[in-house]
Amino acid sequence: MNGWIILDKPLGLGSTQAVGAVKRVCREAGLGKVKVGHGGTLDPLATGVLPIALGEATKLCGRMLDASKIYDFTIRFGTQTDGLDAEGEVVATSDMRPTLAEVEAVLPRFTGPIEQVPPAFSAIKIDGQRAYDRARKGEAVEMKARAVTVYSLRHAGLDPASTAAPEEWTPDQVRGDEGGEGLQEITLTAHVSKGTYIRSLARDIAHAVGTVGHVTMLRRTKAGPFDLSQAISLDKLNAFGQGAAQSEFILPLEAGLVDIPALNLSPEAAGAIRQGRVWTGVATVDGLYWGRDSEMRPVALIEVLAGTLKVVRGFNL
């Protein structure tokens, strides 16, 4: 059992609980003990794409954690909470509500390489303890700014190439602003690097338009090569445990490798790579590849340098 289950994680379910659910379903399906891991934590209050690796695919979880992600999120203006989400305690309020044009004007500030301060309620370790554990005890938690990259930041539902002016946005893209009174909330889409906190991004956007805010909706629509079109619901996952065909639920291991090129290996090269040996004399450009044998089975993640193949991560398939 090697491959991926892409779960459309429901609200209220933690990533660790999702992994536990997959393990349970695999047992119910008669697959015995299967190694399971996830490719990027989603908060219980977030929904969407959660890649869950099975068997040898767990060797790719590190790559998935490093991959970029895309999120839809809604900022509610006027209140800021200690957790920067709808579950936290209110710590600041403001009567100011930004206009559409004001939000539009500040978005470029948060695109590209930026620095952000993570939320105190996060899994980052400070002196060996999770920040959220210390924050829940009432301790003052000082979070250090970190460098991240926001590849794009736009209004949800708008094409990235759209030149629509704020007055042309649809009601689903923005709420409030009736009679020019300002926005109550707005939904944005962000394509971000690893380590980016959407809750912090929402807080900083609100501050930039002269108010405060927090996230009321967070949905991950893509993680690395996986998107919502490949995701299954928790109900459908449970059907797997009741005897539904594996092919309806499990993507092959190589589905997590579509963002890097494949390299066809000769039988001799594949044998050497499986043994962890270096193989020379390959005529291809330098870079990272995934090698496959004559039967199209993944053999290893490999690095090519000056015609020499070196194993990065081998697969026992």
C-alpha atoms as a PDB file:
ATOM      1  CA  MET A   1       0.000   0.000   0.000  1.00  0.00           C
ATOM      2  CA  ASN A   2       1.977   2.954  -1.359  1.00  0.00           C
ATOM      3  CA  GLY A   3       0.441   6.201  -2.567  1.00  0.00           C
ATOM      4  CA  TRP A   4      -1.653   9.186  -1.583  1.00  0.00           C
ATOM      5  CA  ILE A   5      -5.093   9.878  -0.203  1.00  0.00           C
ATOM      6  CA  ILE A   6      -5.980  13.541  -0.727  1.00  0.00           C
ATOM      7  CA  LEU A   7      -8.506  14.427   1.942  1.00  0.00           C
ATOM      8  CA  ASP A   8     -10.811  17.432   1.781  1.00  0.00           C
ATOM      9  CA  LYS A   9     -10.377  18.000   5.502  1.00  0.00           C
ATOM     10  CA  PRO A  10     -13.591  19.091   7.196  1.00  0.00           C
ATOM     11  CA  LEU A  11     -13.943  21.851   9.760  1.00  0.00           C
ATOM     12  CA  GLY A  12     -13.021  20.836  13.301  1.00  0.00           C
ATOM     13  CA  LEU A  13     -10.769  17.916  12.396  1.00  0.00           C
ATOM     14  CA  GLY A  14      -7.061  18.205  13.200  1.00  0.00           C
ATOM     15  CA  SER A  15      -4.360  16.900  10.850  1.00  0.00           C
ATOM     16  CA  THR A  16      -3.276  14.248  13.377  1.00  0.00           C
ATOM     17  CA  GLN A  17      -6.892  13.130  13.714  1.00  0.00           C
ATOM     18  CA  ALA A  18      -7.107  12.885   9.921  1.00  0.00           C
ATOM     19  CA  VAL A  19      -4.056  10.618   9.856  1.00  0.00           C
ATOM     20  CA  GLY A  20      -5.693   8.501  12.568  1.00  0.00           C
ATOM     21  CA  ALA A  21      -8.864   8.243  10.485  1.00  0.00           C
ATOM     22  CA  VAL A  22      -6.877   6.990   7.488  1.00  0.00           C
ATOM     23  CA  LYS A  23      -5.110   4.383   9.629  1.00  0.00           C
ATOM     24  CA  ARG A  24      -8.464   3.193  10.945  1.00  0.00           C
ATOM     25  CA  VAL A  25      -9.960   2.964   7.470  1.00  0.00           C
ATOM     26  CA  CYS A  26      -6.946   1.007   6.205  1.00  0.00           C
ATOM     27  CA  ARG A  27      -7.415  -1.510   9.019  1.00  0.00           C
ATOM     28  CA  GLU A  28     -11.124  -1.773   8.235  1.00  0.00           C
ATOM     29  CA  ALA A  29     -10.231  -2.409   4.586  1.00  0.00           C
ATOM     30  CA  GLY A  30      -8.074  -5.345   5.670  1.00  0.00           C
ATOM     31  CA  LEU A  31      -4.759  -3.739   4.762  1.00  0.00           C
ATOM     32  CA  GLY A  32      -3.194  -4.318   8.163  1.00  0.00           C
ATOM     33  CA  LYS A  33      -0.682  -1.868   9.582  1.00  0.00           C
ATOM     34  CA  VAL A  34       0.130   0.834   7.022  1.00  0.00           C
ATOM     35  CA  LYS A  35       2.666   3.616   7.540  1.00  0.00           C
ATOM     36  CA  VAL A  36       0.788   6.932   7.251  1.00  0.00           C
ATOM     37  CA  GLY A  37       1.895  10.571   7.315  1.00  0.00           C
ATOM     38  CA  HIS A  38       0.564  13.952   6.194  1.00  0.00           C
ATOM     39  CA  GLY A  39       2.043  16.572   3.915  1.00  0.00           C
ATOM     40  CA  GLY A  40       1.301  19.812   5.737  1.00  0.00           C
ATOM     41  CA  THR A  41      -0.647  20.662   8.875  1.00  0.00           C
ATOM     42  CA  LEU A  42      -4.076  22.264   8.618  1.00  0.00           C
ATOM     43  CA  ASP A  43      -5.609  23.898  11.703  1.00  0.00           C
ATOM     44  CA  PRO A  44      -8.898  22.384  12.938  1.00  0.00           C
ATOM     45  CA  LEU A  45     -10.629  25.636  11.900  1.00  0.00           C
ATOM     46  CA  ALA A  46      -9.292  25.278   8.335  1.00  0.00           C
ATOM     47  CA  THR A  47     -10.660  23.050   5.585  1.00  0.00           C
ATOM     48  CA  GLY A  48      -9.390  21.746   2.291  1.00  0.00           C
ATOM     49  CA  VAL A  49      -6.533  19.842   0.721  1.00  0.00           C
ATOM     50  CA  LEU A  50      -4.626  17.602   3.129  1.00  0.00           C
ATOM     51  CA  PRO A  51      -2.270  15.168   1.339  1.00  0.00           C
ATOM     52  CA  ILE A  52      -1.937  11.940   3.320  1.00  0.00           C
ATOM     53  CA  ALA A  53       0.885   9.608   2.335  1.00  0.00           C
ATOM     54  CA  LEU A  54       0.770   5.822   2.599  1.00  0.00           C
ATOM     55  CA  GLY A  55       3.720   3.444   2.761  1.00  0.00           C
ATOM     56  CA  GLU A  56       6.696   4.491   0.642  1.00  0.00           C
ATOM     57  CA  ALA A  57       4.991   7.785  -0.217  1.00  0.00           C
ATOM     58  CA  THR A  58       5.694   8.908   3.368  1.00  0.00           C
ATOM     59  CA  LYS A  59       9.280   9.414   2.201  1.00  0.00           C
ATOM     60  CA  LEU A  60       7.960  12.383   0.220  1.00  0.00           C
ATOM     61  CA  CYS A  61       6.224  14.113   3.132  1.00  0.00           C
ATOM     62  CA  GLY A  62       9.239  16.372   3.636  1.00  0.00           C
ATOM     63  CA  ARG A  63       8.988  17.591   0.037  1.00  0.00           C
ATOM     64  CA  MET A  64       5.279  18.184   0.496  1.00  0.00           C
ATOM     65  CA  LEU A  65       5.873  20.233   3.652  1.00  0.00           C
ATOM     66  CA  ASP A  66       8.311  22.415   1.676  1.00  0.00           C
ATOM     67  CA  ALA A  67       5.901  22.892  -1.236  1.00  0.00           C
ATOM     68  CA  SER A  68       3.932  26.070  -1.863  1.00  0.00           C
ATOM     69  CA  LYS A  69       0.243  26.226  -0.931  1.00  0.00           C
ATOM     70  CA  ILE A  70      -2.841  28.140  -2.122  1.00  0.00           C
ATOM     71  CA  TYR A  71      -5.524  29.339   0.303  1.00  0.00           C
ATOM     72  CA  ASP A  72      -8.840  31.135   0.153  1.00  0.00           C
ATOM     73  CA  PHE A  73      -9.450  33.165   3.309  1.00  0.00           C
ATOM     74  CA  THR A  74     -11.918  35.692   4.630  1.00  0.00           C
ATOM     75  CA  ILE A  75     -10.872  38.683   6.737  1.00  0.00           C
ATOM     76  CA  ARG A  76     -13.518  40.113   9.078  1.00  0.00           C
ATOM     77  CA  PHE A  77     -12.674  43.743   9.816  1.00  0.00           C
ATOM     78  CA  GLY A  78     -13.235  45.495  13.137  1.00  0.00           C
ATOM     79  CA  THR A  79     -12.090  42.893  15.669  1.00  0.00           C
ATOM     80  CA  GLN A  80      -8.782  41.170  16.331  1.00  0.00           C
ATOM     81  CA  THR A  81      -8.535  38.029  18.452  1.00  0.00           C
ATOM     82  CA  ASP A  82      -5.625  36.533  20.354  1.00  0.00           C
ATOM     83  CA  GLY A  83      -5.541  33.559  17.969  1.00  0.00           C
ATOM     84  CA  LEU A  84      -6.239  35.743  14.907  1.00  0.00           C
ATOM     85  CA  ASP A  85      -9.206  33.488  14.093  1.00  0.00           C
ATOM     86  CA  ALA A  86     -12.885  33.194  14.950  1.00  0.00           C
ATOM     87  CA  GLU A  87     -12.228  30.982  17.979  1.00  0.00           C
ATOM     88  CA  GLY A  88      -9.992  33.407  19.862  1.00  0.00           C
ATOM     89  CA  GLU A  89     -10.770  36.019  22.486  1.00  0.00           C
ATOM     90  CA  VAL A  90     -11.202  39.580  21.242  1.00  0.00           C
ATOM     91  CA  VAL A  91      -8.142  41.679  22.095  1.00  0.00           C
ATOM     92  CA  ALA A  92      -8.701  44.779  19.935  1.00  0.00           C
ATOM     93  CA  THR A  93     -11.569  46.533  18.169  1.00  0.00           C
ATOM     94  CA  SER A  94     -11.917  49.340  15.661  1.00  0.00           C
ATOM     95  CA  ASP A  95     -14.842  51.212  14.132  1.00  0.00           C
ATOM     96  CA  MET A  96     -12.874  51.833  10.949  1.00  0.00           C
ATOM     97  CA  ARG A  97     -13.899  49.823   7.874  1.00  0.00           C
ATOM     98  CA  PRO A  98     -11.772  50.006   4.716  1.00  0.00           C
ATOM     99  CA  THR A  99     -13.135  50.662   1.261  1.00  0.00           C
ATOM    100  CA  LEU A 100     -12.557  48.345  -1.663  1.00  0.00           C
ATOM    101  CA  ALA A 101     -10.012  50.728  -3.124  1.00  0.00           C
ATOM    102  CA  GLU A 102      -8.080  50.885   0.147  1.00  0.00           C
ATOM    103  CA  VAL A 103      -7.770  47.104   0.328  1.00  0.00           C
ATOM    104  CA  GLU A 104      -6.743  46.961  -3.315  1.00  0.00           C
ATOM    105  CA  ALA A 105      -4.061  49.577  -2.714  1.00  0.00           C
ATOM    106  CA  VAL A 106      -2.267  47.667   0.070  1.00  0.00           C
ATOM    107  CA  LEU A 107      -2.215  44.169  -1.444  1.00  0.00           C
ATOM    108  CA  PRO A 108       1.019  44.788  -3.415  1.00  0.00           C
ATOM    109  CA  ARG A 109       2.806  45.431  -0.079  1.00  0.00           C
ATOM    110  CA  PHE A 110       2.182  41.814   0.840  1.00  0.00           C
ATOM    111  CA  THR A 111       3.226  40.240  -2.455  1.00  0.00           C
ATOM    112  CA  GLY A 112       6.730  38.899  -3.008  1.00  0.00           C
ATOM    113  CA  PRO A 113       9.346  38.314  -0.282  1.00  0.00           C
ATOM    114  CA  ILE A 114       7.993  39.676   3.001  1.00  0.00           C
ATOM    115  CA  GLU A 115       8.595  39.307   6.717  1.00  0.00           C
ATOM    116  CA  GLN A 116       5.771  38.375   9.057  1.00  0.00           C
ATOM    117  CA  VAL A 117       5.386  37.682  12.771  1.00  0.00           C
ATOM    118  CA  PRO A 118       3.686  34.289  13.306  1.00  0.00           C
ATOM    119  CA  PRO A 119       0.665  34.091  15.634  1.00  0.00           C
ATOM    120  CA  ALA A 120       1.330  33.347  19.305  1.00  0.00           C
ATOM    121  CA  PHE A 121      -1.134  30.480  18.885  1.00  0.00           C
ATOM    122  CA  SER A 122       1.062  28.453  16.508  1.00  0.00           C
ATOM    123  CA  ALA A 123       3.053  25.229  16.622  1.00  0.00           C
ATOM    124  CA  ILE A 124       6.423  26.988  16.532  1.00  0.00           C
ATOM    125  CA  LYS A 125       8.668  25.895  19.392  1.00  0.00           C
ATOM    126  CA  ILE A 126      10.075  28.486  21.795  1.00  0.00           C
ATOM    127  CA  ASP A 127      12.576  27.165  24.338  1.00  0.00           C
ATOM    128  CA  GLY A 128      11.390  23.642  23.632  1.00  0.00           C
ATOM    129  CA  GLN A 129       7.666  24.340  24.051  1.00  0.00           C
ATOM    130  CA  ARG A 130       4.978  24.918  21.439  1.00  0.00           C
ATOM    131  CA  ALA A 131       4.014  28.577  21.289  1.00  0.00           C
ATOM    132  CA  TYR A 132       0.304  27.727  21.578  1.00  0.00           C
ATOM    133  CA  ASP A 133       0.921  25.744  24.779  1.00  0.00           C
ATOM    134  CA  ARG A 134       2.610  28.746  26.371  1.00  0.00           C
ATOM    135  CA  ALA A 135      -0.021  31.162  25.056  1.00  0.00           C
ATOM    136  CA  ARG A 136      -2.829  29.027  26.491  1.00  0.00           C
ATOM    137  CA  LYS A 137      -1.160  29.229  29.894  1.00  0.00           C
ATOM    138  CA  GLY A 138      -1.397  32.996  29.686  1.00  0.00           C
ATOM    139  CA  GLU A 139       2.339  33.502  29.138  1.00  0.00           C
ATOM    140  CA  ALA A 140       3.534  36.449  27.079  1.00  0.00           C
ATOM    141  CA  VAL A 141       4.915  34.861  23.924  1.00  0.00           C
ATOM    142  CA  GLU A 142       7.355  36.890  21.842  1.00  0.00           C
ATOM    143  CA  MET A 143       7.345  35.676  18.246  1.00  0.00           C
ATOM    144  CA  LYS A 144      10.203  36.598  15.936  1.00  0.00           C
ATOM    145  CA  ALA A 145       9.598  37.782  12.399  1.00  0.00           C
ATOM    146  CA  ARG A 146      10.399  35.302   9.646  1.00  0.00           C
ATOM    147  CA  ALA A 147      10.981  35.633   5.921  1.00  0.00           C
ATOM    148  CA  VAL A 148       8.317  34.098   3.657  1.00  0.00           C
ATOM    149  CA  THR A 149       7.173  34.612   0.076  1.00  0.00           C
ATOM    150  CA  VAL A 150       3.687  35.456  -1.156  1.00  0.00           C
ATOM    151  CA  TYR A 151       3.714  34.571  -4.856  1.00  0.00           C
ATOM    152  CA  SER A 152       0.305  36.106  -5.517  1.00  0.00           C
ATOM    153  CA  LEU A 153      -2.470  37.752  -3.544  1.00  0.00           C
ATOM    154  CA  ARG A 154      -5.787  38.523  -5.181  1.00  0.00           C
ATOM    155  CA  HIS A 155      -9.516  38.593  -4.683  1.00  0.00           C
ATOM    156  CA  ALA A 156     -11.046  35.124  -4.531  1.00  0.00           C
ATOM    157  CA  GLY A 157     -12.860  34.221  -7.721  1.00  0.00           C
ATOM    158  CA  LEU A 158     -10.953  36.675  -9.901  1.00  0.00           C
ATOM    159  CA  ASP A 159      -8.648  35.325 -12.592  1.00  0.00           C
ATOM    160  CA  PRO A 160      -4.986  36.161 -11.792  1.00  0.00           C
ATOM    161  CA  ALA A 161      -4.809  38.090 -15.082  1.00  0.00           C
ATOM    162  CA  SER A 162      -8.014  40.008 -14.372  1.00  0.00           C
ATOM    163  CA  THR A 163      -7.880  43.789 -14.592  1.00  0.00           C
ATOM    164  CA  ALA A 164     -11.323  44.259 -13.060  1.00  0.00           C
ATOM    165  CA  ALA A 165     -11.637  47.406 -11.008  1.00  0.00           C
ATOM    166  CA  PRO A 166     -13.010  47.163  -7.423  1.00  0.00           C
ATOM    167  CA  GLU A 167     -16.432  48.409  -8.528  1.00  0.00           C
ATOM    168  CA  GLU A 168     -16.618  45.417 -10.914  1.00  0.00           C
ATOM    169  CA  TRP A 169     -16.068  42.742  -8.254  1.00  0.00           C
ATOM    170  CA  THR A 170     -18.982  40.394  -7.619  1.00  0.00           C
ATOM    171  CA  PRO A 171     -20.901  40.253  -4.301  1.00  0.00           C
ATOM    172  CA  ASP A 172     -19.269  36.872  -3.554  1.00  0.00           C
ATOM    173  CA  GLN A 173     -15.840  38.490  -3.614  1.00  0.00           C
ATOM    174  CA  VAL A 174     -16.614  41.193  -1.077  1.00  0.00           C
ATOM    175  CA  ARG A 175     -19.306  41.895   1.491  1.00  0.00           C
ATOM    176  CA  GLY A 176     -20.334  45.215   2.957  1.00  0.00           C
ATOM    177  CA  ASP A 177     -19.448  48.593   1.478  1.00  0.00           C
ATOM    178  CA  GLU A 178     -23.110  49.400   0.922  1.00  0.00           C
ATOM    179  CA  GLY A 179     -23.450  53.121   0.554  1.00  0.00           C
ATOM    180  CA  GLY A 180     -19.698  53.587   0.837  1.00  0.00           C
ATOM    181  CA  GLU A 181     -19.680  52.625   4.524  1.00  0.00           C
ATOM    182  CA  GLY A 182     -16.723  50.279   4.140  1.00  0.00           C
ATOM    183  CA  LEU A 183     -16.188  46.537   4.081  1.00  0.00           C
ATOM    184  CA  GLN A 184     -17.282  44.199   6.834  1.00  0.00           C
ATOM    185  CA  GLU A 185     -15.225  41.391   5.315  1.00  0.00           C
ATOM    186  CA  ILE A 186     -13.445  40.331   2.137  1.00  0.00           C
ATOM    187  CA  THR A 187     -12.290  36.979   0.740  1.00  0.00           C
ATOM    188  CA  LEU A 188      -8.835  36.735  -0.823  1.00  0.00           C
ATOM    189  CA  THR A 189      -6.738  34.030  -2.466  1.00  0.00           C
ATOM    190  CA  ALA A 190      -3.052  33.700  -1.598  1.00  0.00           C
ATOM    191  CA  HIS A 191      -0.351  31.502  -3.146  1.00  0.00           C
ATOM    192  CA  VAL A 192       2.367  31.281  -0.512  1.00  0.00           C
ATOM    193  CA  SER A 193       5.646  29.609   0.376  1.00  0.00           C
ATOM    194  CA  LYS A 194       6.130  27.189   3.236  1.00  0.00           C
ATOM    195  CA  GLY A 195       6.038  28.793   6.660  1.00  0.00           C
ATOM    196  CA  THR A 196       3.518  31.481   5.725  1.00  0.00           C
ATOM    197  CA  TYR A 197       0.758  32.079   8.269  1.00  0.00           C
ATOM    198  CA  ILE A 198      -2.482  33.233   6.656  1.00  0.00           C
ATOM    199  CA  ARG A 199      -3.768  34.473  10.022  1.00  0.00           C
ATOM    200  CA  SER A 200      -0.755  36.795  10.269  1.00  0.00           C
ATOM    201  CA  LEU A 201      -1.251  37.927   6.675  1.00  0.00           C
ATOM    202  CA  ALA A 202      -4.878  38.822   7.438  1.00  0.00           C
ATOM    203  CA  ARG A 203      -3.863  40.712  10.601  1.00  0.00           C
ATOM    204  CA  ASP A 204      -1.231  42.701   8.718  1.00  0.00           C
ATOM    205  CA  ILE A 205      -3.537  43.564   5.813  1.00  0.00           C
ATOM    206  CA  ALA A 206      -6.103  44.875   8.309  1.00  0.00           C
ATOM    207  CA  HIS A 207      -3.455  46.963  10.068  1.00  0.00           C
ATOM    208  CA  ALA A 208      -2.275  48.336   6.715  1.00  0.00           C
ATOM    209  CA  VAL A 209      -5.746  49.755   6.001  1.00  0.00           C
ATOM    210  CA  GLY A 210      -5.981  51.339   9.436  1.00  0.00           C
ATOM    211  CA  THR A 211      -8.122  48.818  11.279  1.00  0.00           C
ATOM    212  CA  VAL A 212      -7.915  45.371  12.878  1.00  0.00           C
ATOM    213  CA  GLY A 213      -9.168  42.019  11.661  1.00  0.00           C
ATOM    214  CA  HIS A 214      -9.164  38.255  11.985  1.00  0.00           C
ATOM    215  CA  VAL A 215      -9.735  35.192   9.787  1.00  0.00           C
ATOM    216  CA  THR A 216     -13.248  33.757   9.752  1.00  0.00           C
ATOM    217  CA  MET A 217     -12.737  31.271   6.899  1.00  0.00           C
ATOM    218  CA  LEU A 218      -9.615  29.455   5.737  1.00  0.00           C
ATOM    219  CA  ARG A 219      -9.639  26.856   2.978  1.00  0.00           C
ATOM    220  CA  ARG A 220      -6.587  25.300   1.347  1.00  0.00           C
ATOM    221  CA  THR A 221      -7.268  24.702  -2.331  1.00  0.00           C
ATOM    222  CA  LYS A 222      -3.842  23.385  -3.350  1.00  0.00           C
ATOM    223  CA  ALA A 223      -0.822  21.828  -1.637  1.00  0.00           C
ATOM    224  CA  GLY A 224       2.174  21.125  -3.844  1.00  0.00           C
ATOM    225  CA  PRO A 225       0.878  19.196  -6.892  1.00  0.00           C
ATOM    226  CA  PHE A 226      -2.468  18.297  -5.269  1.00  0.00           C
ATOM    227  CA  ASP A 227      -5.698  20.310  -5.501  1.00  0.00           C
ATOM    228  CA  LEU A 228      -9.372  20.025  -4.607  1.00  0.00           C
ATOM    229  CA  SER A 229     -10.195  18.145  -7.814  1.00  0.00           C
ATOM    230  CA  GLN A 230      -8.297  15.150  -6.380  1.00  0.00           C
ATOM    231  CA  ALA A 231      -9.636  15.434  -2.840  1.00  0.00           C
ATOM    232  CA  ILE A 232     -12.233  13.151  -1.246  1.00  0.00           C
ATOM    233  CA  SER A 233     -14.595  13.800   1.628  1.00  0.00           C
ATOM    234  CA  LEU A 234     -14.394  12.075   5.002  1.00  0.00           C
ATOM    235  CA  ASP A 235     -17.585  10.184   4.128  1.00  0.00           C
ATOM    236  CA  LYS A 236     -16.004   8.852   0.944  1.00  0.00           C
ATOM    237  CA  LEU A 237     -12.896   7.882   2.897  1.00  0.00           C
ATOM    238  CA  ASN A 238     -15.064   5.854   5.248  1.00  0.00           C
ATOM    239  CA  ALA A 239     -16.553   4.062   2.223  1.00  0.00           C
ATOM    240  CA  PHE A 240     -13.036   2.817   1.438  1.00  0.00           C
ATOM    241  CA  GLY A 241     -13.018   0.997   4.758  1.00  0.00           C
ATOM    242  CA  GLN A 242     -16.287  -0.663   3.803  1.00  0.00           C
ATOM    243  CA  GLY A 243     -14.859  -2.367   0.728  1.00  0.00           C
ATOM    244  CA  ALA A 244     -14.850   0.238  -2.071  1.00  0.00           C
ATOM    245  CA  ALA A 245     -12.095  -0.149  -4.703  1.00  0.00           C
ATOM    246  CA  GLN A 246      -8.690   1.274  -3.805  1.00  0.00           C
ATOM    247  CA  SER A 247      -8.388   2.905  -7.228  1.00  0.00           C
ATOM    248  CA  GLU A 248     -11.234   5.263  -6.313  1.00  0.00           C
ATOM    249  CA  PHE A 249      -9.346   6.692  -3.350  1.00  0.00           C
ATOM    250  CA  ILE A 250      -5.605   6.151  -3.626  1.00  0.00           C
ATOM    251  CA  LEU A 251      -3.355   8.025  -6.051  1.00  0.00           C
ATOM    252  CA  PRO A 252      -0.045   6.412  -7.037  1.00  0.00           C
ATOM    253  CA  LEU A 253       3.183   7.417  -5.317  1.00  0.00           C
ATOM    254  CA  GLU A 254       4.375   9.242  -8.432  1.00  0.00           C
ATOM    255  CA  ALA A 255       1.402  11.631  -8.210  1.00  0.00           C
ATOM    256  CA  GLY A 256       3.482  13.458  -5.618  1.00  0.00           C
ATOM    257  CA  LEU A 257       6.350  13.811  -8.096  1.00  0.00           C
ATOM    258  CA  VAL A 258       4.634  15.483 -11.050  1.00  0.00           C
ATOM    259  CA  ASP A 259       6.416  18.766 -10.360  1.00  0.00           C
ATOM    260  CA  ILE A 260       9.830  17.266 -11.220  1.00  0.00           C
ATOM    261  CA  PRO A 261      10.875  15.425 -14.414  1.00  0.00           C
ATOM    262  CA  ALA A 262      11.028  11.653 -14.699  1.00  0.00           C
ATOM    263  CA  LEU A 263      14.204   9.896 -15.848  1.00  0.00           C
ATOM    264  CA  ASN A 264      14.015   6.495 -17.526  1.00  0.00           C
ATOM    265  CA  LEU A 265      16.669   4.161 -16.110  1.00  0.00           C
ATOM    266  CA  SER A 266      18.287   1.216 -17.802  1.00  0.00           C
ATOM    267  CA  PRO A 267      17.966  -2.114 -15.963  1.00  0.00           C
ATOM    268  CA  GLU A 268      21.596  -1.795 -14.897  1.00  0.00           C
ATOM    269  CA  ALA A 269      21.174   1.774 -13.643  1.00  0.00           C
ATOM    270  CA  ALA A 270      17.938   0.896 -11.827  1.00  0.00           C
ATOM    271  CA  GLY A 271      19.661  -2.021 -10.099  1.00  0.00           C
ATOM    272  CA  ALA A 272      22.534   0.161  -8.983  1.00  0.00           C
ATOM    273  CA  ILE A 273      20.222   2.898  -7.733  1.00  0.00           C
ATOM    274  CA  ARG A 274      18.147   0.394  -5.758  1.00  0.00           C
ATOM    275  CA  GLN A 275      21.343  -0.656  -4.014  1.00  0.00           C
ATOM    276  CA  GLY A 276      22.150   2.961  -3.224  1.00  0.00           C
ATOM    277  CA  ARG A 277      25.159   3.028  -5.552  1.00  0.00           C
ATOM    278  CA  VAL A 278      26.271   5.968  -7.697  1.00  0.00           C
ATOM    279  CA  TRP A 279      25.752   5.509 -11.443  1.00  0.00           C
ATOM    280  CA  THR A 280      27.749   7.420 -14.039  1.00  0.00           C
ATOM    281  CA  GLY A 281      27.554   8.105 -17.756  1.00  0.00           C
ATOM    282  CA  VAL A 282      24.042   9.571 -17.937  1.00  0.00           C
ATOM    283  CA  ALA A 283      23.441  12.084 -20.722  1.00  0.00           C
ATOM    284  CA  THR A 284      20.985  14.585 -19.228  1.00  0.00           C
ATOM    285  CA  VAL A 285      21.045  18.043 -17.699  1.00  0.00           C
ATOM    286  CA  ASP A 286      21.882  18.482 -14.023  1.00  0.00           C
ATOM    287  CA  GLY A 287      19.033  18.617 -11.542  1.00  0.00           C
ATOM    288  CA  LEU A 288      16.562  16.652  -9.440  1.00  0.00           C
ATOM    289  CA  TYR A 289      14.631  13.788 -11.074  1.00  0.00           C
ATOM    290  CA  TRP A 290      12.634  10.785 -10.109  1.00  0.00           C
ATOM    291  CA  GLY A 291      13.993   7.659 -11.695  1.00  0.00           C
ATOM    292  CA  ARG A 292      11.743   4.915 -13.038  1.00  0.00           C
ATOM    293  CA  ASP A 293      12.542   1.445 -14.287  1.00  0.00           C
ATOM    294  CA  SER A 294      11.469  -0.248 -17.522  1.00  0.00           C
ATOM    295  CA  GLU A 295       8.093  -1.082 -15.941  1.00  0.00           C
ATOM    296  CA  MET A 296       7.521   2.599 -15.074  1.00  0.00           C
ATOM    297  CA  ARG A 297       7.858   1.940 -11.336  1.00  0.00           C
ATOM    298  CA  PRO A 298       9.450   4.717  -9.247  1.00  0.00           C
ATOM    299  CA  VAL A 299      12.942   3.703  -8.126  1.00  0.00           C
ATOM    300  CA  ALA A 300      14.234   6.784  -6.312  1.00  0.00           C
ATOM    301  CA  LEU A 301      14.517  10.516  -6.124  1.00  0.00           C
ATOM    302  CA  ILE A 302      17.870  11.130  -7.747  1.00  0.00           C
ATOM    303  CA  GLU A 303      20.217  14.047  -8.253  1.00  0.00           C
ATOM    304  CA  VAL A 304      22.108  14.330 -11.526  1.00  0.00           C
ATOM    305  CA  LEU A 305      25.415  16.170 -11.527  1.00  0.00           C
ATOM    306  CA  ALA A 306      27.811  16.047 -14.484  1.00  0.00           C
ATOM    307  CA  GLY A 307      26.333  12.794 -15.740  1.00  0.00           C
ATOM    308  CA  THR A 308      26.427  11.065 -12.362  1.00  0.00           C
ATOM    309  CA  LEU A 309      23.300   9.812 -10.580  1.00  0.00           C
ATOM    310  CA  LYS A 310      23.136   9.981  -6.803  1.00  0.00           C
ATOM    311  CA  VAL A 311      20.252   8.680  -4.665  1.00  0.00           C
ATOM    312  CA  VAL A 312      18.392  11.309  -2.658  1.00  0.00           C
ATOM    313  CA  ARG A 313      15.597   9.027  -1.479  1.00  0.00           C
ATOM    314  CA  GLY A 314      15.059   5.413  -2.522  1.00  0.00           C
ATOM    315  CA  PHE A 315      11.696   3.643  -2.830  1.00  0.00           C
ATOM    316  CA  ASN A 316      11.232   0.004  -1.926  1.00  0.00           C
ATOM    317  CA  LEU A 317       8.631  -0.938  -4.521  1.00  0.00           C
END
